[in-house]
N, C-alpha and C. Protein backbone atom coordinates (compact mmCIF):
# COMPACT_ATOMS: atom_id res chain seq x y z
N MET A 1 -67.65 66.25 -33.04
CA MET A 1 -69.06 66.26 -33.70
C MET A 1 -68.96 65.79 -35.07
N TYR A 2 -69.75 64.82 -35.54
CA TYR A 2 -70.31 64.60 -36.74
C TYR A 2 -70.97 65.64 -37.34
N PRO A 3 -70.83 65.90 -38.73
CA PRO A 3 -71.69 66.80 -39.34
C PRO A 3 -73.15 66.03 -39.48
N LYS A 4 -73.94 67.09 -39.69
CA LYS A 4 -75.34 66.84 -40.32
C LYS A 4 -75.42 66.04 -41.48
N ASN A 5 -76.29 65.46 -41.89
CA ASN A 5 -76.60 64.69 -43.10
C ASN A 5 -76.35 65.62 -44.14
N ASN A 6 -77.56 67.02 -43.94
CA ASN A 6 -77.44 67.85 -45.10
C ASN A 6 -76.04 68.99 -45.33
N GLU A 7 -75.13 68.60 -44.31
CA GLU A 7 -73.73 69.59 -44.54
C GLU A 7 -72.47 68.64 -44.99
N ARG A 8 -72.84 66.86 -45.04
CA ARG A 8 -72.02 66.36 -45.56
C ARG A 8 -71.71 66.40 -47.48
N GLU A 9 -70.54 66.64 -47.60
CA GLU A 9 -70.51 66.33 -48.67
C GLU A 9 -70.77 65.29 -49.63
N ASP A 10 -70.84 64.03 -49.13
CA ASP A 10 -71.36 63.10 -49.68
C ASP A 10 -72.41 62.50 -49.86
N ALA A 11 -73.36 63.46 -48.95
CA ALA A 11 -74.50 63.20 -48.58
C ALA A 11 -75.55 62.97 -49.48
N MET A 12 -76.71 61.98 -49.90
CA MET A 12 -77.52 61.66 -50.68
C MET A 12 -78.39 63.15 -50.73
N PRO A 13 -78.86 63.65 -52.31
CA PRO A 13 -79.37 64.43 -52.44
C PRO A 13 -81.05 64.44 -51.61
N TYR A 14 -81.75 65.28 -51.52
CA TYR A 14 -82.91 64.85 -51.08
C TYR A 14 -84.08 64.67 -51.81
N SER A 15 -84.51 63.44 -51.26
CA SER A 15 -85.66 62.86 -52.08
C SER A 15 -87.03 62.48 -51.24
N GLU A 16 -87.74 62.19 -51.93
CA GLU A 16 -89.33 62.03 -51.50
C GLU A 16 -89.30 60.90 -50.14
N PRO A 17 -89.87 61.30 -48.87
CA PRO A 17 -89.91 60.61 -47.96
C PRO A 17 -90.64 58.91 -48.38
N LEU A 18 -90.40 58.16 -47.63
CA LEU A 18 -90.74 56.75 -48.12
C LEU A 18 -92.32 56.75 -47.52
N PRO A 19 -92.70 56.08 -48.47
CA PRO A 19 -94.57 55.87 -47.89
C PRO A 19 -94.67 55.34 -46.80
N GLU A 20 -95.99 55.32 -46.52
CA GLU A 20 -96.19 54.66 -45.19
C GLU A 20 -96.68 52.96 -45.60
N THR A 21 -95.98 52.50 -44.75
CA THR A 21 -96.18 51.00 -45.11
C THR A 21 -97.02 50.14 -43.81
N ARG A 22 -97.81 49.26 -44.17
CA ARG A 22 -99.08 48.62 -43.64
C ARG A 22 -99.37 47.43 -43.73
N PRO A 23 -99.19 46.51 -42.87
CA PRO A 23 -99.70 45.07 -43.33
C PRO A 23 -101.21 45.09 -43.72
N ILE A 24 -101.24 44.08 -44.93
CA ILE A 24 -102.23 44.11 -46.11
C ILE A 24 -103.82 43.58 -45.05
N SER A 25 -103.54 43.28 -43.76
CA SER A 25 -104.66 42.84 -43.06
C SER A 25 -105.31 44.00 -42.51
N ASP A 26 -104.65 45.18 -42.76
CA ASP A 26 -105.33 46.56 -42.47
C ASP A 26 -106.62 46.91 -43.23
N LEU A 27 -106.50 46.43 -44.23
CA LEU A 27 -107.44 46.73 -45.54
C LEU A 27 -108.95 46.05 -44.79
N ARG A 28 -108.48 44.85 -44.15
CA ARG A 28 -109.99 44.30 -43.54
C ARG A 28 -110.03 45.09 -41.91
N THR A 29 -109.32 45.16 -41.28
CA THR A 29 -109.67 45.64 -39.70
C THR A 29 -109.60 47.57 -40.11
N LYS A 30 -108.76 48.31 -40.90
CA LYS A 30 -108.72 49.59 -40.64
C LYS A 30 -108.92 50.14 -42.06
N LEU A 31 -110.15 49.78 -42.99
CA LEU A 31 -110.23 50.35 -43.96
C LEU A 31 -110.51 51.90 -43.76
N ASN A 32 -111.61 52.13 -43.33
CA ASN A 32 -111.91 53.46 -43.26
C ASN A 32 -110.36 54.43 -42.65
N GLU A 33 -109.70 54.00 -41.70
CA GLU A 33 -108.68 55.04 -41.40
C GLU A 33 -107.49 55.02 -42.66
N ILE A 34 -107.53 54.11 -43.34
CA ILE A 34 -106.76 54.04 -44.42
C ILE A 34 -107.01 54.75 -45.53
N GLU A 35 -108.41 54.77 -45.80
CA GLU A 35 -108.69 55.52 -46.59
C GLU A 35 -108.95 57.19 -46.28
N GLU A 36 -109.14 57.34 -45.21
CA GLU A 36 -109.00 58.67 -44.63
C GLU A 36 -107.76 59.22 -44.73
N HIS A 37 -106.65 58.49 -44.30
CA HIS A 37 -104.99 58.91 -44.46
C HIS A 37 -104.71 59.06 -45.86
N ALA A 38 -105.30 58.45 -46.74
CA ALA A 38 -104.87 58.33 -48.12
C ALA A 38 -105.67 59.62 -48.98
N GLN A 39 -106.61 59.93 -48.69
CA GLN A 39 -107.03 61.11 -48.81
C GLN A 39 -106.70 62.29 -48.30
N ALA A 40 -106.19 62.44 -46.94
CA ALA A 40 -105.37 63.33 -46.25
C ALA A 40 -104.23 63.67 -46.93
N ASN A 41 -103.34 62.76 -47.46
CA ASN A 41 -102.15 62.92 -47.47
C ASN A 41 -101.61 62.90 -48.88
N GLY A 42 -102.80 62.45 -49.78
CA GLY A 42 -102.16 62.29 -51.37
C GLY A 42 -101.16 61.22 -51.59
N GLU A 43 -100.74 60.87 -50.74
CA GLU A 43 -99.37 59.87 -50.71
C GLU A 43 -99.89 58.44 -50.79
N PRO A 44 -99.24 57.65 -51.49
CA PRO A 44 -99.46 56.53 -51.70
C PRO A 44 -99.34 55.37 -50.39
N ILE A 45 -100.01 54.30 -50.22
CA ILE A 45 -99.79 53.67 -48.73
C ILE A 45 -99.37 51.99 -49.47
N VAL A 46 -98.26 51.57 -49.24
CA VAL A 46 -97.85 50.16 -49.27
C VAL A 46 -98.41 49.28 -48.66
N LEU A 47 -99.19 48.35 -48.99
CA LEU A 47 -99.60 47.33 -48.02
C LEU A 47 -98.77 45.99 -48.32
N THR A 48 -98.30 45.27 -47.38
CA THR A 48 -97.40 44.11 -47.24
C THR A 48 -98.16 43.11 -46.85
N ARG A 49 -97.48 42.00 -47.56
CA ARG A 49 -97.72 40.71 -47.01
C ARG A 49 -96.82 39.81 -46.41
N ASN A 50 -96.40 39.17 -45.36
CA ASN A 50 -95.27 38.52 -44.97
C ASN A 50 -94.03 39.60 -45.31
N GLY A 51 -94.34 40.98 -44.92
CA GLY A 51 -93.09 41.78 -44.86
C GLY A 51 -92.89 42.19 -46.46
N LYS A 52 -93.69 41.74 -47.42
CA LYS A 52 -93.07 42.27 -48.63
C LYS A 52 -94.43 43.22 -49.24
N PRO A 53 -93.59 43.95 -50.17
CA PRO A 53 -95.07 44.90 -50.93
C PRO A 53 -95.95 44.16 -51.74
N SER A 54 -97.11 44.18 -51.66
CA SER A 54 -97.97 43.29 -52.09
C SER A 54 -99.06 44.27 -53.07
N LEU A 55 -99.46 45.51 -52.16
CA LEU A 55 -100.59 46.46 -52.90
C LEU A 55 -99.95 47.78 -52.71
N VAL A 56 -100.54 48.54 -53.57
CA VAL A 56 -100.60 50.39 -53.09
C VAL A 56 -101.75 50.80 -53.39
N VAL A 57 -102.15 51.66 -52.12
CA VAL A 57 -103.39 52.26 -52.10
C VAL A 57 -103.21 53.87 -52.12
N MET A 58 -103.88 54.57 -52.95
CA MET A 58 -103.64 55.72 -53.22
C MET A 58 -105.11 56.38 -53.75
N ALA A 59 -105.13 57.67 -53.03
CA ALA A 59 -106.59 58.30 -53.34
C ALA A 59 -106.82 58.87 -54.89
N SER A 60 -107.85 58.61 -55.14
CA SER A 60 -108.02 58.80 -56.74
C SER A 60 -107.60 59.84 -57.24
N ASP A 61 -107.62 61.07 -56.78
CA ASP A 61 -107.27 62.52 -57.19
C ASP A 61 -105.80 62.65 -57.43
N ALA A 62 -105.04 62.11 -56.20
CA ALA A 62 -103.78 62.06 -55.97
C ALA A 62 -103.50 61.37 -57.66
N TYR A 63 -103.91 59.85 -57.64
CA TYR A 63 -103.61 59.33 -58.79
C TYR A 63 -103.51 59.89 -59.93
N ASP A 64 -104.93 60.61 -60.35
CA ASP A 64 -105.12 61.23 -61.74
C ASP A 64 -103.73 62.19 -61.85
N ALA A 65 -103.70 63.02 -60.68
CA ALA A 65 -102.69 64.19 -60.78
C ALA A 65 -101.13 63.45 -61.13
N ARG A 66 -100.77 62.84 -60.33
CA ARG A 66 -99.73 61.80 -60.89
C ARG A 66 -99.38 61.69 -62.26
N VAL A 67 -100.65 60.87 -62.72
CA VAL A 67 -100.52 60.34 -64.09
C VAL A 67 -100.62 61.45 -64.70
N ALA A 68 -101.10 62.63 -64.49
CA ALA A 68 -100.85 63.60 -65.43
C ALA A 68 -99.84 64.15 -65.72
N ASP A 69 -99.30 64.36 -64.20
CA ASP A 69 -97.90 64.94 -64.37
C ASP A 69 -96.78 64.16 -65.01
N GLU A 70 -97.08 62.68 -64.84
CA GLU A 70 -96.01 61.66 -65.41
C GLU A 70 -96.39 61.87 -67.04
N ARG A 71 -97.56 62.09 -67.81
CA ARG A 71 -97.90 62.33 -69.10
C ARG A 71 -97.19 63.50 -69.62
N PHE A 72 -97.09 64.83 -68.77
CA PHE A 72 -96.46 66.04 -69.23
C PHE A 72 -95.32 66.03 -69.11
N ALA A 73 -94.42 65.34 -68.44
CA ALA A 73 -93.24 64.82 -68.13
C ALA A 73 -92.48 64.09 -69.60
N ALA A 74 -93.47 63.25 -69.88
CA ALA A 74 -92.91 62.48 -70.83
C ALA A 74 -93.14 63.48 -72.42
N LYS A 75 -94.09 64.08 -72.38
CA LYS A 75 -94.36 65.14 -73.55
C LYS A 75 -93.10 66.14 -73.39
N LEU A 76 -92.98 66.83 -72.44
CA LEU A 76 -91.97 67.44 -72.21
C LEU A 76 -90.32 66.82 -72.66
N ARG A 77 -89.99 65.72 -72.09
CA ARG A 77 -88.86 65.05 -72.70
C ARG A 77 -88.82 64.78 -74.33
N GLU A 78 -90.00 64.63 -74.73
CA GLU A 78 -90.17 63.84 -76.18
C GLU A 78 -89.64 65.60 -76.73
N ALA A 79 -90.52 66.73 -76.39
CA ALA A 79 -90.28 67.82 -77.05
C ALA A 79 -88.47 68.16 -77.02
N GLU A 80 -87.75 68.00 -76.09
CA GLU A 80 -86.46 68.21 -75.58
C GLU A 80 -85.75 67.36 -76.68
N ILE A 81 -85.96 66.08 -76.85
CA ILE A 81 -85.28 65.28 -77.64
C ILE A 81 -85.48 65.78 -79.16
N GLU A 82 -86.73 65.87 -79.36
CA GLU A 82 -86.76 66.48 -80.89
C GLU A 82 -86.32 67.65 -80.95
N ALA A 83 -86.18 68.65 -80.33
CA ALA A 83 -85.66 70.10 -80.45
C ALA A 83 -83.94 69.94 -80.77
N LYS A 84 -83.48 68.92 -79.95
CA LYS A 84 -82.03 68.55 -79.86
C LYS A 84 -81.58 67.75 -81.13
N TYR A 85 -82.47 67.50 -81.91
CA TYR A 85 -82.16 66.52 -83.17
C TYR A 85 -82.82 67.62 -84.70
N ARG A 86 -83.60 68.76 -83.97
CA ARG A 86 -84.25 69.33 -85.09
C ARG A 86 -83.35 69.94 -85.93
N GLN A 87 -83.10 69.93 -87.36
CA GLN A 87 -82.21 70.80 -87.98
C GLN A 87 -81.96 71.90 -88.43
N LYS A 88 -83.22 72.56 -88.28
CA LYS A 88 -83.94 74.01 -88.28
C LYS A 88 -85.20 74.24 -87.75
N THR A 89 -84.89 75.45 -87.21
CA THR A 89 -85.88 76.14 -86.68
C THR A 89 -86.91 77.18 -87.64
N TYR A 90 -87.80 77.35 -87.48
CA TYR A 90 -88.42 78.04 -88.52
C TYR A 90 -89.37 79.38 -87.68
N SER A 91 -89.24 80.71 -88.15
CA SER A 91 -89.97 81.72 -87.56
C SER A 91 -91.19 81.85 -87.94
N LEU A 92 -92.37 82.43 -87.27
CA LEU A 92 -93.74 82.71 -87.52
C LEU A 92 -93.98 83.06 -89.14
N GLU A 93 -93.05 84.12 -88.82
CA GLU A 93 -93.15 84.53 -90.62
C GLU A 93 -93.01 83.77 -91.68
N ASP A 94 -91.44 82.88 -91.43
CA ASP A 94 -91.59 81.73 -92.44
C ASP A 94 -92.31 80.90 -92.31
N SER A 95 -93.00 80.64 -91.53
CA SER A 95 -93.98 79.35 -91.29
C SER A 95 -95.28 79.96 -92.17
N LYS A 96 -95.88 81.15 -92.05
CA LYS A 96 -96.97 81.64 -92.63
C LYS A 96 -96.41 82.01 -94.10
N SER A 97 -95.31 81.96 -94.61
CA SER A 97 -95.07 82.35 -96.11
C SER A 97 -95.09 81.09 -96.65
N ARG A 98 -94.41 80.14 -96.10
CA ARG A 98 -94.49 78.93 -96.44
C ARG A 98 -96.12 78.05 -96.82
N ILE A 99 -96.88 78.39 -95.35
CA ILE A 99 -98.44 78.03 -95.53
C ILE A 99 -98.86 78.58 -96.76
N ALA A 100 -98.73 80.08 -97.09
CA ALA A 100 -99.34 80.59 -98.29
C ALA A 100 -99.10 79.97 -99.36
N GLN A 101 -97.57 79.57 -99.47
CA GLN A 101 -96.89 79.08 -100.78
C GLN A 101 -97.57 77.81 -101.30
N ILE A 102 -97.98 77.01 -99.80
CA ILE A 102 -98.57 75.53 -100.22
C ILE A 102 -100.03 75.87 -100.74
N ARG A 103 -100.99 76.91 -99.94
CA ARG A 103 -101.87 77.18 -100.39
C ARG A 103 -102.14 77.58 -101.66
N ALA A 104 -101.08 78.38 -102.33
CA ALA A 104 -101.15 79.01 -103.74
C ALA A 104 -100.99 77.80 -104.68
N ALA A 105 -100.23 76.65 -104.18
CA ALA A 105 -99.72 75.64 -105.31
C ALA A 105 -101.30 74.97 -105.31
N ILE A 106 -101.52 74.69 -104.14
CA ILE A 106 -103.08 73.84 -103.89
C ILE A 106 -104.20 74.40 -105.19
N GLY A 107 -104.08 75.91 -105.08
CA GLY A 107 -105.34 76.59 -105.35
C GLY A 107 -104.95 76.42 -107.16
N SER A 108 -103.60 76.58 -107.31
CA SER A 108 -103.53 76.59 -108.82
C SER A 108 -103.59 75.26 -109.36
N ARG A 109 -103.36 74.28 -108.70
CA ARG A 109 -103.69 72.80 -109.23
C ARG A 109 -104.99 72.35 -109.35
N ASP A 110 -105.97 73.03 -108.26
CA ASP A 110 -107.13 72.97 -108.50
C ASP A 110 -107.96 73.41 -109.63
N ALA A 111 -107.36 74.73 -110.06
CA ALA A 111 -107.78 75.75 -111.17
C ALA A 111 -107.87 74.97 -112.42
């Protein structure tokens, strides 16, 4: 007997399921059904023309959430890269002390 996919050593790691695919003509004939499905699942629906992807339909809330997630991930990657190449980190006390020095210097300059 052959092993199941999740038991194979060379099996691909788990990934997201493929999005629903429908012909683009369904926009005209089954628009309400497509809208209900998109709202219920929150997943994109790929619309095809002549068997090739043409459009993607997605619920607005789900789209907004994905965009927010992508922005958060980009900011996280940016912070990780910055932390990797930063020469030195400063404690809160060091930062407060340095800000006090700068304020004192500015105050003495204006006097």
